[in-house]
Protein backbone atom coordinates (compact mmCIF):
# COMPACT_ATOMS: atom_id res chain seq x y z
CA MET A 1 -62.06 -0.45 -20.48
CA LYS A 2 -59.56 -2.25 -18.21
CA GLN A 3 -59.81 -5.39 -16.10
CA ILE A 4 -59.00 -4.41 -12.50
CA LEU A 5 -58.68 -6.75 -9.50
CA LEU A 6 -59.14 -5.43 -5.95
CA ILE A 7 -57.52 -7.38 -3.09
CA ASN A 8 -58.88 -5.79 0.06
CA ASP A 9 -61.20 -6.30 3.00
CA VAL A 10 -64.98 -6.24 2.72
CA VAL A 11 -66.63 -4.25 5.51
CA GLY A 12 -70.25 -5.04 6.27
CA TYR A 13 -71.26 -1.80 7.98
CA SER A 14 -69.52 1.15 6.26
CA HIS A 15 -68.74 2.42 2.78
CA VAL A 16 -65.02 1.78 2.98
CA GLY A 17 -62.45 -0.50 1.39
CA MET A 18 -63.70 -2.59 -1.47
CA VAL A 19 -67.30 -1.46 -0.90
CA ALA A 20 -66.28 2.11 -1.75
CA MET A 21 -63.92 1.28 -4.60
CA LEU A 22 -66.07 -1.08 -6.68
CA PRO A 23 -68.82 1.39 -7.70
CA ILE A 24 -66.28 4.12 -8.53
CA LEU A 25 -64.19 1.98 -10.87
CA THR A 26 -67.31 0.50 -12.45
CA GLN A 27 -68.78 3.97 -13.01
CA MET A 28 -65.50 4.97 -14.69
CA GLY A 29 -65.95 2.19 -17.22
CA HIS A 30 -63.66 -0.51 -15.86
CA THR A 31 -64.55 -4.14 -15.25
CA THR A 32 -63.73 -4.76 -11.61
CA TYR A 33 -63.18 -8.03 -9.76
CA ASN A 34 -62.46 -8.80 -6.11
CA LEU A 35 -60.44 -11.11 -3.89
CA PRO A 36 -61.36 -10.33 -0.27
CA THR A 37 -58.65 -10.52 2.40
CA ALA A 38 -61.21 -10.56 5.20
CA LEU A 39 -64.85 -10.03 6.07
CA VAL A 40 -65.04 -7.26 8.67
CA SER A 41 -68.19 -6.46 10.63
CA ASN A 42 -67.60 -2.68 10.72
CA THR A 43 -64.81 -0.11 10.75
CA LEU A 44 -62.38 -0.64 13.60
CA ASP A 45 -62.89 2.76 15.24
CA TYR A 46 -66.29 1.66 16.56
CA GLY A 47 -64.19 -0.13 19.19
CA HIS A 48 -65.84 -3.54 18.80
CA PHE A 49 -65.58 -5.58 15.62
CA ASN A 50 -65.46 -9.08 14.21
CA VAL A 51 -62.98 -10.19 11.54
CA LEU A 52 -63.03 -13.37 9.48
CA GLU A 53 -59.76 -13.78 7.59
CA THR A 54 -60.14 -15.37 4.16
CA THR A 55 -56.58 -16.64 3.69
CA ASP A 56 -57.73 -20.23 3.04
CA TYR A 57 -60.21 -18.98 0.44
CA MET A 58 -57.50 -16.88 -1.23
CA ARG A 59 -55.05 -19.77 -1.22
CA GLY A 60 -57.62 -21.90 -3.03
CA THR A 61 -58.86 -19.21 -5.42
CA ILE A 62 -55.56 -18.01 -6.90
CA PRO A 63 -54.60 -21.37 -8.51
CA VAL A 64 -58.15 -21.77 -9.86
CA TRP A 65 -57.92 -18.37 -11.55
CA HIS A 66 -54.47 -19.27 -12.89
CA ARG A 67 -55.80 -22.55 -14.30
CA LEU A 68 -58.69 -20.72 -15.95
CA GLY A 69 -56.32 -18.20 -17.50
CA PHE A 70 -57.85 -15.09 -15.93
CA ARG A 71 -55.85 -11.93 -16.71
CA PHE A 72 -55.98 -8.44 -15.23
CA ASP A 73 -54.66 -5.10 -16.47
CA ALA A 74 -54.20 -3.87 -12.90
CA VAL A 75 -54.42 -5.10 -9.33
CA CYS A 76 -54.78 -2.96 -6.21
CA THR A 77 -54.00 -4.38 -2.77
CA GLY A 78 -55.24 -3.02 0.56
CA LEU A 79 -55.37 -4.29 4.13
CA MET A 80 -53.44 -7.48 4.95
CA PHE A 81 -54.17 -9.51 8.10
CA SER A 82 -51.32 -12.01 8.45
CA GLU A 83 -47.79 -12.76 7.30
CA GLU A 84 -49.06 -15.74 5.30
CA GLN A 85 -51.62 -13.52 3.56
CA ALA A 86 -49.08 -10.83 2.70
CA THR A 87 -46.64 -13.43 1.37
CA LEU A 88 -49.41 -15.04 -0.70
CA VAL A 89 -50.56 -11.71 -2.16
CA SER A 90 -47.08 -10.37 -2.87
CA SER A 91 -46.17 -13.61 -4.66
CA TYR A 92 -49.39 -13.43 -6.69
CA CYS A 93 -48.72 -9.79 -7.58
CA ARG A 94 -45.22 -10.62 -8.80
CA GLN A 95 -46.70 -13.38 -10.97
CA LEU A 96 -49.24 -10.91 -12.39
CA GLN A 97 -46.49 -8.34 -13.04
CA ARG A 98 -44.64 -10.85 -15.17
CA GLU A 99 -47.84 -11.14 -17.24
CA GLY A 100 -48.01 -7.34 -17.73
CA THR A 101 -50.32 -6.38 -14.83
CA THR A 102 -49.78 -3.02 -13.14
CA VAL A 103 -49.61 -3.35 -9.34
CA PHE A 104 -51.02 -0.64 -7.07
CA VAL A 105 -50.50 -0.89 -3.29
CA ASP A 106 -52.49 1.06 -0.71
CA PRO A 107 -50.64 0.32 2.56
CA ILE A 108 -53.62 0.82 4.87
CA MET A 109 -52.39 1.15 8.45
CA GLY A 110 -53.21 4.44 10.17
CA ASP A 111 -53.78 8.17 10.08
CA GLY A 112 -53.26 11.25 12.25
CA GLY A 113 -49.87 10.04 13.47
CA ARG A 114 -51.05 6.69 14.84
CA LEU A 115 -51.95 3.20 13.68
CA TYR A 116 -55.61 2.28 13.31
CA ASN A 117 -57.27 0.38 16.12
CA GLY A 118 -56.31 -3.29 15.74
CA ILE A 119 -53.25 -2.66 13.52
CA SER A 120 -49.96 -3.94 14.95
CA ASP A 121 -46.27 -3.30 14.30
CA THR A 122 -46.20 -6.71 12.60
CA GLN A 123 -48.65 -5.41 9.99
CA VAL A 124 -46.32 -2.47 9.34
CA GLN A 125 -43.65 -4.97 8.35
CA LEU A 126 -46.16 -6.82 6.17
CA MET A 127 -46.99 -3.59 4.35
CA LYS A 128 -43.31 -2.95 3.68
CA GLU A 129 -43.28 -6.29 1.86
CA MET A 130 -46.30 -5.26 -0.18
CA VAL A 131 -44.85 -1.84 -1.07
CA GLY A 132 -41.79 -3.64 -2.43
CA VAL A 133 -44.01 -5.14 -5.16
CA ALA A 134 -45.72 -1.89 -6.20
CA ASP A 135 -45.55 -0.07 -9.51
CA LEU A 136 -47.26 2.71 -7.54
CA THR A 137 -47.97 3.00 -3.83
CA PHE A 138 -50.09 5.72 -2.23
CA PRO A 139 -49.82 5.84 1.57
CA ASN A 140 -51.06 8.77 3.57
CA TYR A 141 -48.48 10.79 5.51
CA THR A 142 -48.81 8.70 8.68
CA GLU A 143 -48.38 5.45 6.75
CA ALA A 144 -45.40 6.84 4.85
CA CYS A 145 -43.78 7.75 8.18
CA TYR A 146 -44.23 4.22 9.53
CA LEU A 147 -42.98 2.65 6.30
CA THR A 148 -39.84 4.79 6.04
CA GLY A 149 -39.02 5.45 9.68
CA THR A 150 -39.66 9.18 9.23
CA PRO A 151 -40.68 11.06 12.43
CA TYR A 152 -44.29 12.24 12.28
CA ARG A 153 -44.29 16.04 12.37
CA PRO A 154 -47.69 17.76 12.47
CA GLU A 155 -45.86 21.09 12.25
CA GLY A 156 -44.78 20.13 8.72
CA LEU A 157 -41.78 18.85 6.81
CA SER A 158 -39.33 20.80 4.75
CA TRP A 159 -39.39 20.07 1.02
CA ASP A 160 -36.07 18.21 1.27
CA GLU A 161 -37.42 16.07 4.12
CA ALA A 162 -40.56 15.32 2.13
CA CYS A 163 -38.51 14.23 -0.88
CA ASP A 164 -36.36 12.01 1.35
CA MET A 165 -39.52 10.36 2.71
CA VAL A 166 -40.87 9.67 -0.77
CA ASP A 167 -37.46 8.38 -1.84
CA GLY A 168 -37.65 6.01 1.13
CA LEU A 169 -40.76 4.42 -0.36
CA LEU A 170 -38.89 3.78 -3.59
CA ALA A 171 -36.02 2.34 -1.56
CA LEU A 172 -38.47 -0.31 -0.31
CA GLY A 173 -39.01 -1.35 -3.93
CA ALA A 174 -41.93 0.76 -5.16
CA LYS A 175 -41.38 2.22 -8.61
CA ALA A 176 -43.45 5.38 -7.98
CA ALA A 177 -45.20 6.88 -4.96
CA VAL A 178 -47.87 9.39 -3.96
CA VAL A 179 -48.19 10.52 -0.32
CA THR A 180 -51.53 12.02 0.71
CA SER A 181 -52.38 14.23 3.70
CA ALA A 182 -48.84 15.61 3.85
CA CYS A 183 -47.85 18.86 5.59
CA LEU A 184 -45.09 21.12 4.33
CA LYS A 185 -43.62 24.15 6.03
CA ASP A 186 -44.39 27.28 4.03
CA GLU A 187 -41.00 28.73 3.06
CA ALA A 188 -42.46 32.22 2.84
CA SER A 189 -44.08 31.94 6.27
CA PRO A 190 -42.44 29.19 8.41
CA SER A 191 -45.21 29.29 11.02
CA GLN A 192 -47.75 28.28 8.36
CA VAL A 193 -48.35 24.74 7.12
CA ARG A 194 -49.30 23.78 3.57
CA HIS A 195 -51.55 20.76 3.21
CA CYS A 196 -50.59 18.86 0.10
CA VAL A 197 -50.14 15.62 -1.77
CA ILE A 198 -46.57 14.79 -2.75
CA GLY A 199 -45.63 12.49 -5.62
CA ARG A 200 -42.55 10.95 -7.15
CA ARG A 201 -42.66 9.38 -10.57
CA SER A 202 -40.63 6.37 -11.60
CA ASP A 203 -37.11 6.79 -12.95
CA TRP A 204 -38.13 4.76 -15.98
CA PRO A 205 -41.29 4.37 -18.09
CA LEU A 206 -44.01 2.20 -16.58
CA GLU A 207 -46.13 -0.03 -18.76
CA GLY A 208 -49.41 0.55 -16.95
CA PHE A 209 -49.76 4.34 -16.87
CA ARG A 210 -48.30 7.58 -18.17
CA GLN A 211 -46.00 9.99 -16.36
CA ARG A 212 -44.95 13.55 -17.03
CA GLY A 213 -41.19 13.24 -16.98
CA LYS A 214 -40.18 16.66 -18.30
CA GLU A 215 -41.29 18.36 -15.07
CA GLY A 216 -38.83 16.43 -12.91
CA PRO A 217 -39.29 13.43 -10.63
CA TYR A 218 -41.26 15.16 -7.83
CA PHE A 219 -44.54 17.04 -7.72
CA CYS A 220 -46.60 18.70 -5.00
CA ILE A 221 -50.29 19.68 -5.17
CA ASP A 222 -51.74 21.87 -2.41
CA TYR A 223 -55.28 21.62 -1.07
CA ASP A 224 -57.49 23.30 1.52
CA GLU A 225 -58.13 20.97 4.44
CA ILE A 226 -61.78 20.33 5.32
CA PRO A 227 -62.16 19.67 9.09
CA VAL A 228 -64.20 16.50 8.65
CA ALA A 229 -62.81 12.99 9.24
CA PHE A 230 -64.74 10.59 7.01
CA HIS A 231 -63.63 6.98 6.92
CA GLY A 232 -62.94 5.60 3.45
CA THR A 233 -61.73 8.79 1.76
CA GLY A 234 -58.38 7.11 1.13
CA ASP A 235 -60.17 4.26 -0.65
CA ILE A 236 -62.08 6.78 -2.76
CA PHE A 237 -58.86 8.60 -3.62
CA SER A 238 -57.24 5.30 -4.61
CA ALA A 239 -60.12 4.24 -6.84
CA VAL A 240 -60.36 7.56 -8.67
CA LEU A 241 -56.58 7.73 -9.08
CA ILE A 242 -56.39 4.21 -10.50
CA GLY A 243 -59.41 4.75 -12.73
CA HIS A 244 -57.89 7.81 -14.38
CA LEU A 245 -54.42 6.28 -14.66
CA MET A 246 -55.88 3.24 -16.40
CA ASN A 247 -57.79 5.57 -18.72
CA GLY A 248 -54.47 6.95 -19.95
CA GLU A 249 -54.04 10.11 -17.87
CA THR A 250 -50.72 11.09 -16.29
CA LEU A 251 -49.79 10.42 -12.67
CA ARG A 252 -49.89 14.09 -11.70
CA ASP A 253 -53.19 14.81 -13.49
CA SER A 254 -54.83 11.68 -12.07
CA THR A 255 -53.68 12.68 -8.58
CA ALA A 256 -55.15 16.17 -8.97
CA THR A 257 -58.46 14.75 -10.18
CA ALA A 258 -58.65 12.29 -7.28
CA MET A 259 -58.03 15.15 -4.83
CA ARG A 260 -60.80 17.22 -6.40
CA VAL A 261 -63.30 14.34 -6.27
CA VAL A 262 -62.56 13.55 -2.61
CA SER A 263 -62.96 17.23 -1.69
CA SER A 264 -66.31 17.44 -3.52
CA LEU A 265 -67.59 14.27 -1.86
CA ILE A 266 -66.67 15.53 1.61
CA GLU A 267 -68.33 18.88 0.99
CA ARG A 268 -71.55 17.24 -0.20
CA ASN A 269 -71.75 14.91 2.81
CA ARG A 270 -70.12 16.94 5.60
CA ASP A 271 -73.40 17.15 7.59
CA GLN A 272 -73.59 13.37 7.91
CA ARG A 273 -73.76 12.33 11.57
CA ASP A 274 -71.65 9.16 11.60
CA PHE A 275 -68.36 9.63 9.75
CA CYS A 276 -67.35 6.02 10.51
CA GLN A 277 -69.98 4.89 7.99
CA GLY A 278 -68.00 6.53 5.19
CA ILE A 279 -69.47 8.39 2.24
CA PRO A 280 -72.51 6.83 0.48
CA ILE A 281 -70.67 6.74 -2.82
CA GLU A 282 -73.55 5.26 -4.83
CA LYS A 283 -75.50 8.51 -4.29
CA CYS A 284 -72.56 10.66 -5.43
CA LEU A 285 -71.34 9.03 -8.63
CA ASP A 286 -72.24 12.17 -10.55
CA LEU A 287 -69.21 13.86 -8.94
CA LEU A 288 -66.81 11.52 -10.68
């Protein structure tokens, strides 16, 4: 059992962000804590929303935890809402790293080739700062494009282009990276696109989780795309990935398991009417 801290937003109306991650990590046997970056009324794609940033609360909480000697085996960061907040969190993560904490960064910004409603170019720069702290970062393809300056190509990337994009994440400072929702051109049939998750392990051993070095630095895992756009599937992927990594599984195996779980959850709930509400994860914990 590991002690895991989530630094992310809390959404009132939707099973996304911290609301989705907490029950998954708890079900997997980890003790999970939270430091909210904001209270958000609902997911941003509803068009109208209210956000209460919690930067003052965070600024006051971190020194209290330090004084009390609280320690965490891992921390996972999500959505940041200001430059001050990103600076505060990145500084705190570096402090935790020096104490042996593994830092995971989910640079939540967009999908489908565009930024989420309410996300600005300034927040892209903030996420670059956060990725620079990460032992492992796991953007989706859109977010990886924004972070590395890679053109978004729905027709698919070549394998060399995909590797360059992942290398770009390490150039920002991340030690390892996994890119979800990627598209690769099929070498056997150039008009076809392979949907896949691409990973790059660290060039050196990481304290927090295992890697499979003998297979080379890169890996690619294909999947069949399900034409359903649930909110929060990235948060679910992150939680399952972290849970298995912290249970001692390798980066590639944990990635494959997280992909399988997300696929199963989508299939079970694909008839749901409002995808913005996310997946009711508490009803689906048996799939973990």
